[in-house]
Amino acid sequence: MTAPAEIKVWDPLVRVFHWSLVVAFTLAFLTEDDWQWLHVIAGYTVLGLVLVRLVWGLVGPRHARFSDFVHRPRTVWQYTQAVLRGRAERHIGHNPAGGAMIVALLVMLLLTTGLGLCAYGARGNGPLGDWLGELSAFATDALTEAHELAAWLTVWLIAGHLLGVLWESLLHRENLVRAMITGRKRAAKLPDGLPADPQAP
């Protein structure tokens, strides 16, 4: 029986989450000063998406689950070294370095939106307005600056994520952006000696 050329990897929720998060975070980042209302809506959307993804990481299908792509730091380090040498194994789901990046991004997005909620509340707005509305101007400014710093750190993580996607796409001759759109990836290894996929069916 002939093996399929492609297999389903990313379920619809993971794909919708990914691209919705791209749009929502971009809007939030670009509208902070001039379009505050849109910034707030986009921020709430980011927070909601991350919370949904956290739940899906526990109950979703195989490749969506944290148990499938969260590895020990030593495994991540070894895989990263292999990537830099151009000898990393191909993974059907997220590879160890990609999994670590996803965890880092989710943590930073939670931190960024959490600080944003606090800064917004310190101005008497949002769900935290009643609790934080009487903070001093100094504390309000500190929360705002912390929120902005977290957002910029998230941007740098995103840049690292994009670089990793590009590198892996070139290394394994696979369009990972297309895979996150269609949900499908190549099932078999290439015939020219590229490393086999340890997660292949």
N, C-alpha and C. Protein backbone atom coordinates (compact mmCIF):
# COMPACT_ATOMS: atom_id res chain seq x y z
N MET A 1 0.84 -1.19 0.00
CA MET A 1 0.00 0.00 0.00
C MET A 1 0.88 1.25 0.00
N THR A 2 0.64 2.17 -0.90
CA THR A 2 1.46 3.36 -1.04
C THR A 2 1.18 4.35 0.08
N ALA A 3 2.26 4.87 0.69
CA ALA A 3 2.11 5.86 1.76
C ALA A 3 1.63 7.17 1.18
N PRO A 4 0.84 7.93 1.93
CA PRO A 4 0.35 9.21 1.41
C PRO A 4 1.48 10.22 1.27
N ALA A 5 1.38 11.07 0.25
CA ALA A 5 2.39 12.10 0.04
C ALA A 5 2.34 13.17 1.12
N GLU A 6 1.13 13.46 1.60
CA GLU A 6 0.95 14.45 2.66
C GLU A 6 0.02 13.89 3.73
N ILE A 7 0.17 14.41 4.94
CA ILE A 7 -0.71 14.01 6.03
C ILE A 7 -1.21 15.26 6.75
N LYS A 8 -2.35 15.12 7.39
CA LYS A 8 -2.90 16.23 8.17
C LYS A 8 -2.11 16.36 9.47
N VAL A 9 -1.71 17.59 9.77
CA VAL A 9 -0.94 17.84 10.99
C VAL A 9 -1.64 18.88 11.87
N TRP A 10 -1.93 20.04 11.30
CA TRP A 10 -2.50 21.13 12.10
C TRP A 10 -4.01 21.17 11.94
N ASP A 11 -4.71 21.03 13.04
CA ASP A 11 -6.17 21.06 13.02
C ASP A 11 -6.66 22.49 12.78
N PRO A 12 -7.93 22.66 12.41
CA PRO A 12 -8.45 24.00 12.10
C PRO A 12 -8.30 25.00 13.23
N LEU A 13 -8.49 24.58 14.48
CA LEU A 13 -8.39 25.53 15.57
C LEU A 13 -6.96 26.09 15.69
N VAL A 14 -5.97 25.23 15.57
CA VAL A 14 -4.58 25.69 15.64
C VAL A 14 -4.29 26.70 14.54
N ARG A 15 -4.78 26.42 13.33
CA ARG A 15 -4.51 27.32 12.21
C ARG A 15 -5.24 28.65 12.36
N VAL A 16 -6.51 28.59 12.76
CA VAL A 16 -7.26 29.83 12.97
C VAL A 16 -6.64 30.63 14.11
N PHE A 17 -6.24 29.95 15.19
CA PHE A 17 -5.56 30.63 16.29
C PHE A 17 -4.31 31.35 15.80
N HIS A 18 -3.49 30.64 15.06
CA HIS A 18 -2.21 31.20 14.62
C HIS A 18 -2.39 32.48 13.82
N TRP A 19 -3.24 32.42 12.78
CA TRP A 19 -3.37 33.59 11.91
C TRP A 19 -4.19 34.70 12.56
N SER A 20 -5.14 34.35 13.40
CA SER A 20 -5.89 35.37 14.14
C SER A 20 -4.97 36.10 15.11
N LEU A 21 -4.05 35.35 15.73
CA LEU A 21 -3.10 35.97 16.65
C LEU A 21 -2.16 36.91 15.91
N VAL A 22 -1.74 36.52 14.72
CA VAL A 22 -0.89 37.40 13.90
C VAL A 22 -1.59 38.74 13.67
N VAL A 23 -2.85 38.68 13.25
CA VAL A 23 -3.60 39.91 12.97
C VAL A 23 -3.84 40.71 14.23
N ALA A 24 -4.28 40.05 15.30
CA ALA A 24 -4.62 40.77 16.53
C ALA A 24 -3.39 41.43 17.17
N PHE A 25 -2.27 40.71 17.23
CA PHE A 25 -1.08 41.30 17.83
C PHE A 25 -0.55 42.45 16.98
N THR A 26 -0.57 42.28 15.67
CA THR A 26 -0.11 43.35 14.78
C THR A 26 -0.95 44.61 14.98
N LEU A 27 -2.26 44.45 15.04
CA LEU A 27 -3.15 45.60 15.27
C LEU A 27 -2.85 46.24 16.63
N ALA A 28 -2.71 45.42 17.65
CA ALA A 28 -2.44 45.97 18.98
C ALA A 28 -1.13 46.73 19.00
N PHE A 29 -0.12 46.19 18.33
CA PHE A 29 1.20 46.82 18.36
C PHE A 29 1.21 48.13 17.59
N LEU A 30 0.46 48.20 16.51
CA LEU A 30 0.50 49.37 15.65
C LEU A 30 -0.47 50.47 16.06
N THR A 31 -1.39 50.19 16.97
CA THR A 31 -2.45 51.17 17.28
C THR A 31 -2.39 51.68 18.71
N GLU A 32 -1.29 51.50 19.38
CA GLU A 32 -1.23 51.85 20.81
C GLU A 32 -1.48 53.33 21.07
N ASP A 33 -0.93 54.21 20.27
CA ASP A 33 -1.01 55.64 20.57
C ASP A 33 -2.22 56.33 19.95
N ASP A 34 -2.47 56.10 18.68
CA ASP A 34 -3.47 56.89 17.96
C ASP A 34 -4.87 56.27 17.94
N TRP A 35 -4.95 54.97 18.12
CA TRP A 35 -6.24 54.27 18.03
C TRP A 35 -6.42 53.42 19.28
N GLN A 36 -6.56 54.08 20.43
CA GLN A 36 -6.57 53.37 21.69
C GLN A 36 -7.70 52.35 21.77
N TRP A 37 -8.87 52.70 21.25
CA TRP A 37 -10.00 51.78 21.32
C TRP A 37 -9.72 50.49 20.55
N LEU A 38 -9.05 50.63 19.39
CA LEU A 38 -8.71 49.45 18.60
C LEU A 38 -7.60 48.66 19.28
N HIS A 39 -6.67 49.36 19.89
CA HIS A 39 -5.59 48.72 20.64
C HIS A 39 -6.17 47.85 21.76
N VAL A 40 -7.15 48.37 22.46
CA VAL A 40 -7.76 47.64 23.57
C VAL A 40 -8.49 46.40 23.06
N ILE A 41 -9.28 46.56 22.00
CA ILE A 41 -10.01 45.42 21.44
C ILE A 41 -9.04 44.35 20.96
N ALA A 42 -7.99 44.77 20.27
CA ALA A 42 -6.99 43.81 19.78
C ALA A 42 -6.29 43.12 20.94
N GLY A 43 -6.02 43.86 22.01
CA GLY A 43 -5.39 43.27 23.18
C GLY A 43 -6.26 42.23 23.85
N TYR A 44 -7.54 42.54 24.00
CA TYR A 44 -8.48 41.56 24.54
C TYR A 44 -8.53 40.31 23.66
N THR A 45 -8.50 40.53 22.35
CA THR A 45 -8.54 39.41 21.40
C THR A 45 -7.31 38.52 21.57
N VAL A 46 -6.14 39.15 21.70
CA VAL A 46 -4.91 38.38 21.92
C VAL A 46 -5.02 37.55 23.19
N LEU A 47 -5.48 38.16 24.26
CA LEU A 47 -5.61 37.43 25.53
C LEU A 47 -6.58 36.27 25.39
N GLY A 48 -7.72 36.51 24.77
CA GLY A 48 -8.69 35.44 24.57
C GLY A 48 -8.14 34.29 23.74
N LEU A 49 -7.42 34.63 22.68
CA LEU A 49 -6.83 33.59 21.83
C LEU A 49 -5.81 32.76 22.59
N VAL A 50 -4.98 33.41 23.38
CA VAL A 50 -3.96 32.68 24.14
C VAL A 50 -4.61 31.75 25.16
N LEU A 51 -5.65 32.21 25.83
CA LEU A 51 -6.33 31.36 26.81
C LEU A 51 -6.96 30.14 26.14
N VAL A 52 -7.55 30.35 24.96
CA VAL A 52 -8.11 29.22 24.21
C VAL A 52 -7.01 28.24 23.82
N ARG A 53 -5.87 28.77 23.38
CA ARG A 53 -4.76 27.90 22.97
C ARG A 53 -4.21 27.11 24.15
N LEU A 54 -4.18 27.70 25.32
CA LEU A 54 -3.71 26.98 26.50
C LEU A 54 -4.61 25.78 26.79
N VAL A 55 -5.91 25.98 26.69
CA VAL A 55 -6.84 24.88 26.91
C VAL A 55 -6.67 23.82 25.82
N TRP A 56 -6.55 24.27 24.57
CA TRP A 56 -6.41 23.35 23.44
C TRP A 56 -5.10 22.56 23.53
N GLY A 57 -4.11 23.17 24.16
CA GLY A 57 -2.84 22.47 24.35
C GLY A 57 -2.96 21.30 25.31
N LEU A 58 -4.04 21.24 26.04
CA LEU A 58 -4.27 20.14 26.99
C LEU A 58 -5.25 19.11 26.45
N VAL A 59 -6.22 19.56 25.64
CA VAL A 59 -7.29 18.65 25.22
C VAL A 59 -7.37 18.48 23.71
N GLY A 60 -6.58 19.20 22.95
CA GLY A 60 -6.65 19.13 21.49
C GLY A 60 -6.05 17.86 20.93
N PRO A 61 -6.01 17.72 19.60
CA PRO A 61 -5.41 16.54 18.95
C PRO A 61 -3.91 16.49 19.17
N ARG A 62 -3.31 15.40 18.76
CA ARG A 62 -1.93 15.08 19.11
C ARG A 62 -0.95 16.23 18.94
N HIS A 63 -0.85 16.77 17.73
CA HIS A 63 0.19 17.76 17.46
C HIS A 63 -0.13 19.14 18.04
N ALA A 64 -1.35 19.33 18.53
CA ALA A 64 -1.70 20.58 19.19
C ALA A 64 -1.35 20.58 20.67
N ARG A 65 -1.11 19.41 21.22
CA ARG A 65 -0.91 19.28 22.66
C ARG A 65 0.51 19.64 23.08
N PHE A 66 0.62 20.24 24.25
CA PHE A 66 1.94 20.59 24.78
C PHE A 66 2.79 19.34 24.98
N SER A 67 2.16 18.24 25.32
CA SER A 67 2.90 17.00 25.54
C SER A 67 3.61 16.53 24.28
N ASP A 68 3.19 17.02 23.12
CA ASP A 68 3.80 16.61 21.86
C ASP A 68 5.03 17.44 21.51
N PHE A 69 5.12 18.66 22.03
CA PHE A 69 6.23 19.52 21.58
C PHE A 69 6.98 20.25 22.69
N VAL A 70 6.61 20.06 23.93
CA VAL A 70 7.37 20.66 25.04
C VAL A 70 8.40 19.65 25.52
N HIS A 71 9.67 20.03 25.44
CA HIS A 71 10.76 19.12 25.78
C HIS A 71 11.65 19.72 26.87
N ARG A 72 12.50 18.88 27.41
CA ARG A 72 13.45 19.34 28.42
C ARG A 72 14.44 20.32 27.79
N PRO A 73 14.97 21.26 28.59
CA PRO A 73 15.93 22.24 28.05
C PRO A 73 17.11 21.59 27.34
N ARG A 74 17.60 20.46 27.85
CA ARG A 74 18.75 19.80 27.22
C ARG A 74 18.39 19.33 25.81
N THR A 75 17.17 18.80 25.64
CA THR A 75 16.73 18.36 24.31
C THR A 75 16.63 19.53 23.35
N VAL A 76 16.09 20.65 23.85
CA VAL A 76 15.98 21.86 23.03
C VAL A 76 17.36 22.34 22.61
N TRP A 77 18.30 22.35 23.54
CA TRP A 77 19.65 22.81 23.25
C TRP A 77 20.33 21.91 22.22
N GLN A 78 20.20 20.61 22.39
CA GLN A 78 20.81 19.67 21.45
C GLN A 78 20.20 19.83 20.05
N TYR A 79 18.89 20.02 19.99
CA TYR A 79 18.25 20.20 18.69
C TYR A 79 18.69 21.50 18.04
N THR A 80 18.80 22.57 18.85
CA THR A 80 19.25 23.86 18.32
C THR A 80 20.65 23.75 17.74
N GLN A 81 21.53 23.04 18.43
CA GLN A 81 22.88 22.82 17.91
C GLN A 81 22.85 22.07 16.58
N ALA A 82 21.98 21.06 16.50
CA ALA A 82 21.87 20.29 15.27
C ALA A 82 21.34 21.15 14.13
N VAL A 83 20.40 22.06 14.44
CA VAL A 83 19.88 22.97 13.43
C VAL A 83 20.99 23.86 12.89
N LEU A 84 21.80 24.41 13.77
CA LEU A 84 22.88 25.30 13.35
C LEU A 84 23.93 24.58 12.51
N ARG A 85 24.04 23.28 12.73
CA ARG A 85 24.97 22.48 11.92
C ARG A 85 24.31 21.98 10.64
N GLY A 86 23.00 22.24 10.50
CA GLY A 86 22.29 21.78 9.31
C GLY A 86 22.02 20.30 9.31
N ARG A 87 21.95 19.68 10.51
CA ARG A 87 21.78 18.24 10.60
C ARG A 87 20.60 17.86 11.50
N ALA A 88 19.67 18.75 11.68
CA ALA A 88 18.54 18.49 12.58
C ALA A 88 17.52 17.56 11.93
N GLU A 89 16.96 16.67 12.73
CA GLU A 89 15.90 15.78 12.24
C GLU A 89 14.64 16.58 11.95
N ARG A 90 13.93 16.18 10.92
CA ARG A 90 12.64 16.80 10.59
C ARG A 90 11.57 16.23 11.50
N HIS A 91 10.68 17.09 11.97
CA HIS A 91 9.56 16.69 12.81
C HIS A 91 8.26 17.00 12.07
N ILE A 92 7.30 16.09 12.19
CA ILE A 92 5.99 16.33 11.60
C ILE A 92 5.30 17.48 12.34
N GLY A 93 5.29 17.42 13.67
CA GLY A 93 4.74 18.51 14.47
C GLY A 93 5.82 19.54 14.74
N HIS A 94 5.67 20.29 15.83
CA HIS A 94 6.68 21.27 16.20
C HIS A 94 7.95 20.56 16.66
N ASN A 95 9.09 21.02 16.20
CA ASN A 95 10.35 20.47 16.69
C ASN A 95 10.64 21.03 18.09
N PRO A 96 11.64 20.48 18.81
CA PRO A 96 11.90 20.94 20.17
C PRO A 96 12.17 22.43 20.31
N ALA A 97 12.93 23.01 19.37
CA ALA A 97 13.21 24.44 19.43
C ALA A 97 11.95 25.25 19.15
N GLY A 98 11.17 24.81 18.17
CA GLY A 98 9.91 25.48 17.87
C GLY A 98 8.94 25.40 19.03
N GLY A 99 8.90 24.25 19.69
CA GLY A 99 8.04 24.10 20.86
C GLY A 99 8.43 25.05 21.98
N ALA A 100 9.75 25.18 22.20
CA ALA A 100 10.22 26.11 23.23
C ALA A 100 9.85 27.55 22.87
N MET A 101 9.93 27.89 21.60
CA MET A 101 9.55 29.24 21.17
C MET A 101 8.07 29.49 21.38
N ILE A 102 7.24 28.49 21.11
CA ILE A 102 5.80 28.64 21.32
C ILE A 102 5.50 28.91 22.79
N VAL A 103 6.13 28.15 23.67
CA VAL A 103 5.92 28.37 25.11
C VAL A 103 6.37 29.78 25.50
N ALA A 104 7.53 30.21 25.01
CA ALA A 104 8.04 31.55 25.32
C ALA A 104 7.09 32.62 24.82
N LEU A 105 6.56 32.43 23.61
CA LEU A 105 5.63 33.42 23.05
C LEU A 105 4.33 33.48 23.84
N LEU A 106 3.80 32.33 24.22
CA LEU A 106 2.57 32.32 25.00
C LEU A 106 2.76 33.00 26.35
N VAL A 107 3.90 32.73 26.99
CA VAL A 107 4.19 33.38 28.28
C VAL A 107 4.31 34.89 28.11
N MET A 108 5.04 35.32 27.07
CA MET A 108 5.21 36.75 26.87
C MET A 108 3.91 37.44 26.48
N LEU A 109 3.08 36.76 25.71
CA LEU A 109 1.78 37.34 25.35
C LEU A 109 0.88 37.48 26.57
N LEU A 110 0.92 36.50 27.45
CA LEU A 110 0.16 36.61 28.70
C LEU A 110 0.69 37.76 29.55
N LEU A 111 2.02 37.88 29.63
CA LEU A 111 2.62 38.96 30.40
C LEU A 111 2.27 40.32 29.79
N THR A 112 2.37 40.43 28.48
CA THR A 112 2.09 41.69 27.81
C THR A 112 0.64 42.12 27.99
N THR A 113 -0.28 41.19 27.77
CA THR A 113 -1.69 41.54 27.91
C THR A 113 -2.05 41.78 29.37
N GLY A 114 -1.43 41.02 30.28
CA GLY A 114 -1.69 41.24 31.70
C GLY A 114 -1.24 42.62 32.15
N LEU A 115 -0.06 43.01 31.72
CA LEU A 115 0.43 44.36 32.05
C LEU A 115 -0.43 45.42 31.38
N GLY A 116 -0.90 45.13 30.17
CA GLY A 116 -1.78 46.07 29.48
C GLY A 116 -3.08 46.27 30.24
N LEU A 117 -3.65 45.18 30.74
CA LEU A 117 -4.87 45.27 31.54
C LEU A 117 -4.64 46.11 32.80
N CYS A 118 -3.48 45.91 33.43
CA CYS A 118 -3.16 46.67 34.64
C CYS A 118 -2.97 48.15 34.33
N ALA A 119 -2.26 48.45 33.26
CA ALA A 119 -2.05 49.85 32.88
C ALA A 119 -3.37 50.51 32.51
N TYR A 120 -4.22 49.78 31.82
CA TYR A 120 -5.54 50.29 31.45
C TYR A 120 -6.40 50.50 32.70
N GLY A 121 -6.32 49.55 33.62
CA GLY A 121 -7.06 49.67 34.87
C GLY A 121 -6.59 50.82 35.73
N ALA A 122 -5.28 51.10 35.69
CA ALA A 122 -4.74 52.20 36.48
C ALA A 122 -5.28 53.55 36.03
N ARG A 123 -5.81 53.57 34.82
CA ARG A 123 -6.45 54.80 34.31
C ARG A 123 -7.96 54.77 34.54
N GLY A 124 -8.41 53.79 35.32
CA GLY A 124 -9.82 53.70 35.65
C GLY A 124 -10.67 53.00 34.61
N ASN A 125 -10.01 52.27 33.72
CA ASN A 125 -10.74 51.61 32.63
C ASN A 125 -10.64 50.09 32.75
N GLY A 126 -11.54 49.41 32.04
CA GLY A 126 -11.47 47.96 31.96
C GLY A 126 -11.89 47.26 33.23
N PRO A 127 -11.74 45.93 33.26
CA PRO A 127 -12.19 45.15 34.42
C PRO A 127 -11.40 45.41 35.69
N LEU A 128 -10.22 45.98 35.59
CA LEU A 128 -9.40 46.25 36.78
C LEU A 128 -9.49 47.72 37.21
N GLY A 129 -10.34 48.48 36.54
CA GLY A 129 -10.42 49.91 36.85
C GLY A 129 -10.81 50.20 38.29
N ASP A 130 -11.73 49.40 38.85
CA ASP A 130 -12.17 49.63 40.23
C ASP A 130 -11.08 49.34 41.24
N TRP A 131 -10.17 48.44 40.91
CA TRP A 131 -9.11 48.06 41.85
C TRP A 131 -7.84 48.89 41.67
N LEU A 132 -7.55 49.29 40.46
CA LEU A 132 -6.28 49.96 40.19
C LEU A 132 -6.44 51.43 39.83
N GLY A 133 -7.67 51.92 39.80
CA GLY A 133 -7.92 53.28 39.33
C GLY A 133 -7.35 54.37 40.19
N GLU A 134 -6.96 54.04 41.41
CA GLU A 134 -6.43 55.07 42.31
C GLU A 134 -4.92 55.00 42.46
N LEU A 135 -4.25 54.26 41.58
CA LEU A 135 -2.79 54.22 41.63
C LEU A 135 -2.21 55.57 41.28
N SER A 136 -1.01 55.81 41.77
CA SER A 136 -0.33 57.09 41.50
C SER A 136 0.07 57.17 40.03
N ALA A 137 0.36 58.40 39.61
CA ALA A 137 0.81 58.60 38.23
C ALA A 137 2.11 57.86 37.96
N PHE A 138 2.97 57.81 38.97
CA PHE A 138 4.24 57.09 38.82
C PHE A 138 4.00 55.61 38.57
N ALA A 139 3.10 55.00 39.36
CA ALA A 139 2.81 53.58 39.19
C ALA A 139 2.14 53.32 37.85
N THR A 140 1.26 54.22 37.44
CA THR A 140 0.59 54.06 36.14
C THR A 140 1.59 54.11 35.00
N ASP A 141 2.52 55.07 35.08
CA ASP A 141 3.55 55.18 34.04
C ASP A 141 4.46 53.95 34.04
N ALA A 142 4.77 53.44 35.23
CA ALA A 142 5.63 52.25 35.32
C ALA A 142 4.95 51.04 34.68
N LEU A 143 3.66 50.88 34.93
CA LEU A 143 2.92 49.78 34.31
C LEU A 143 2.87 49.93 32.79
N THR A 144 2.68 51.15 32.33
CA THR A 144 2.63 51.40 30.89
C THR A 144 3.96 51.08 30.23
N GLU A 145 5.05 51.51 30.87
CA GLU A 145 6.38 51.25 30.31
C GLU A 145 6.70 49.75 30.34
N ALA A 146 6.28 49.07 31.40
CA ALA A 146 6.50 47.62 31.47
C ALA A 146 5.71 46.90 30.38
N HIS A 147 4.50 47.37 30.13
CA HIS A 147 3.67 46.81 29.06
C HIS A 147 4.34 47.00 27.70
N GLU A 148 4.87 48.17 27.46
CA GLU A 148 5.53 48.44 26.19
C GLU A 148 6.81 47.61 26.04
N LEU A 149 7.56 47.47 27.13
CA LEU A 149 8.78 46.66 27.08
C LEU A 149 8.44 45.20 26.78
N ALA A 150 7.41 44.68 27.42
CA ALA A 150 6.99 43.30 27.16
C ALA A 150 6.56 43.13 25.71
N ALA A 151 5.88 44.13 25.17
CA ALA A 151 5.45 44.05 23.77
C ALA A 151 6.66 43.99 22.84
N TRP A 152 7.67 44.82 23.11
CA TRP A 152 8.86 44.81 22.27
C TRP A 152 9.63 43.50 22.41
N LEU A 153 9.70 42.94 23.61
CA LEU A 153 10.35 41.65 23.78
C LEU A 153 9.60 40.56 23.00
N THR A 154 8.28 40.67 22.97
CA THR A 154 7.48 39.73 22.19
C THR A 154 7.80 39.87 20.71
N VAL A 155 7.97 41.10 20.24
CA VAL A 155 8.32 41.33 18.84
C VAL A 155 9.64 40.66 18.51
N TRP A 156 10.61 40.76 19.40
CA TRP A 156 11.90 40.12 19.16
C TRP A 156 11.77 38.60 19.14
N LEU A 157 10.90 38.06 19.99
CA LEU A 157 10.65 36.62 19.94
C LEU A 157 10.00 36.23 18.62
N ILE A 158 9.08 37.05 18.16
CA ILE A 158 8.43 36.78 16.87
C ILE A 158 9.47 36.79 15.75
N ALA A 159 10.40 37.73 15.81
CA ALA A 159 11.46 37.78 14.79
C ALA A 159 12.28 36.49 14.83
N GLY A 160 12.59 36.01 16.04
CA GLY A 160 13.30 34.74 16.16
C GLY A 160 12.49 33.57 15.62
N HIS A 161 11.19 33.61 15.88
CA HIS A 161 10.30 32.57 15.37
C HIS A 161 10.29 32.55 13.84
N LEU A 162 10.21 33.72 13.23
CA LEU A 162 10.20 33.81 11.77
C LEU A 162 11.52 33.32 11.18
N LEU A 163 12.62 33.68 11.84
CA LEU A 163 13.93 33.22 11.38
C LEU A 163 14.01 31.70 11.46
N GLY A 164 13.49 31.14 12.57
CA GLY A 164 13.49 29.69 12.71
C GLY A 164 12.65 28.99 11.66
N VAL A 165 11.49 29.57 11.36
CA VAL A 165 10.62 29.00 10.32
C VAL A 165 11.32 29.01 8.97
N LEU A 166 11.98 30.13 8.66
CA LEU A 166 12.70 30.23 7.39
C LEU A 166 13.83 29.21 7.32
N TRP A 167 14.60 29.11 8.40
CA TRP A 167 15.74 28.19 8.43
C TRP A 167 15.28 26.74 8.27
N GLU A 168 14.23 26.37 9.03
CA GLU A 168 13.72 25.00 8.95
C GLU A 168 13.13 24.72 7.57
N SER A 169 12.47 25.70 6.99
CA SER A 169 11.90 25.50 5.65
C SER A 169 12.99 25.23 4.63
N LEU A 170 14.11 25.95 4.74
CA LEU A 170 15.23 25.74 3.82
C LEU A 170 15.93 24.42 4.12
N LEU A 171 16.12 24.12 5.40
CA LEU A 171 16.84 22.91 5.80
C LEU A 171 16.13 21.65 5.32
N HIS A 172 14.81 21.63 5.47
CA HIS A 172 14.06 20.42 5.13
C HIS A 172 13.27 20.56 3.83
N ARG A 173 13.51 21.66 3.12
CA ARG A 173 12.87 21.89 1.81
C ARG A 173 11.35 21.73 1.93
N GLU A 174 10.81 22.48 2.86
CA GLU A 174 9.39 22.37 3.16
C GLU A 174 8.82 23.75 3.48
N ASN A 175 7.70 24.08 2.88
CA ASN A 175 7.07 25.38 3.09
C ASN A 175 6.22 25.32 4.36
N LEU A 176 6.79 25.76 5.49
CA LEU A 176 6.08 25.68 6.76
C LEU A 176 4.94 26.68 6.86
N VAL A 177 5.05 27.80 6.15
CA VAL A 177 3.95 28.77 6.13
C VAL A 177 2.74 28.15 5.44
N ARG A 178 2.97 27.51 4.32
CA ARG A 178 1.89 26.82 3.61
C ARG A 178 1.26 25.75 4.50
N ALA A 179 2.10 25.03 5.24
CA ALA A 179 1.59 23.97 6.12
C ALA A 179 0.65 24.52 7.18
N MET A 180 0.95 25.73 7.69
CA MET A 180 0.08 26.33 8.69
C MET A 180 -1.19 26.90 8.08
N ILE A 181 -1.23 27.02 6.76
CA ILE A 181 -2.45 27.44 6.07
C ILE A 181 -3.32 26.23 5.72
N THR A 182 -2.69 25.22 5.15
CA THR A 182 -3.44 24.05 4.70
C THR A 182 -3.63 23.01 5.80
N GLY A 183 -2.74 23.01 6.77
CA GLY A 183 -2.78 22.00 7.82
C GLY A 183 -2.08 20.71 7.45
N ARG A 184 -1.47 20.66 6.27
CA ARG A 184 -0.87 19.43 5.78
C ARG A 184 0.64 19.59 5.57
N LYS A 185 1.36 18.49 5.82
CA LYS A 185 2.80 18.47 5.61
C LYS A 185 3.20 17.20 4.87
N ARG A 186 4.38 17.24 4.27
CA ARG A 186 4.90 16.07 3.59
C ARG A 186 5.08 14.93 4.58
N ALA A 187 4.66 13.74 4.18
CA ALA A 187 4.69 12.61 5.10
C ALA A 187 6.06 11.93 5.15
N ALA A 188 6.70 11.76 4.01
CA ALA A 188 7.93 10.99 3.95
C ALA A 188 9.14 11.90 3.83
N LYS A 189 10.29 11.36 4.18
CA LYS A 189 11.52 12.12 4.02
C LYS A 189 11.89 12.22 2.54
N LEU A 190 12.73 13.19 2.22
CA LEU A 190 13.20 13.32 0.85
C LEU A 190 14.19 12.20 0.54
N PRO A 191 14.32 11.82 -0.70
CA PRO A 191 15.17 10.67 -1.05
C PRO A 191 16.66 10.98 -1.11
N ASP A 192 17.08 12.21 -0.81
CA ASP A 192 18.48 12.58 -0.99
C ASP A 192 19.28 12.50 0.33
N GLY A 193 18.76 11.79 1.31
CA GLY A 193 19.53 11.60 2.52
C GLY A 193 19.23 12.54 3.64
N LEU A 194 18.23 13.40 3.49
CA LEU A 194 17.84 14.27 4.60
C LEU A 194 17.36 13.40 5.76
N PRO A 195 17.55 13.87 7.01
CA PRO A 195 17.20 13.05 8.16
C PRO A 195 15.74 12.64 8.16
N ALA A 196 15.46 11.46 8.67
CA ALA A 196 14.09 10.96 8.78
C ALA A 196 13.35 11.69 9.89
N ASP A 197 12.05 11.61 9.82
CA ASP A 197 11.21 12.25 10.81
C ASP A 197 10.91 11.27 11.94
N PRO A 198 11.35 11.58 13.18
CA PRO A 198 11.12 10.64 14.28
C PRO A 198 9.66 10.51 14.66
N GLN A 199 8.78 11.42 14.19
CA GLN A 199 7.38 11.35 14.53
C GLN A 199 6.52 10.84 13.37
N ALA A 200 7.16 10.46 12.28
CA ALA A 200 6.39 10.04 11.11
C ALA A 200 5.59 8.78 11.43
N PRO A 201 4.39 8.66 10.84
CA PRO A 201 3.56 7.48 11.10
C PRO A 201 4.17 6.22 10.48
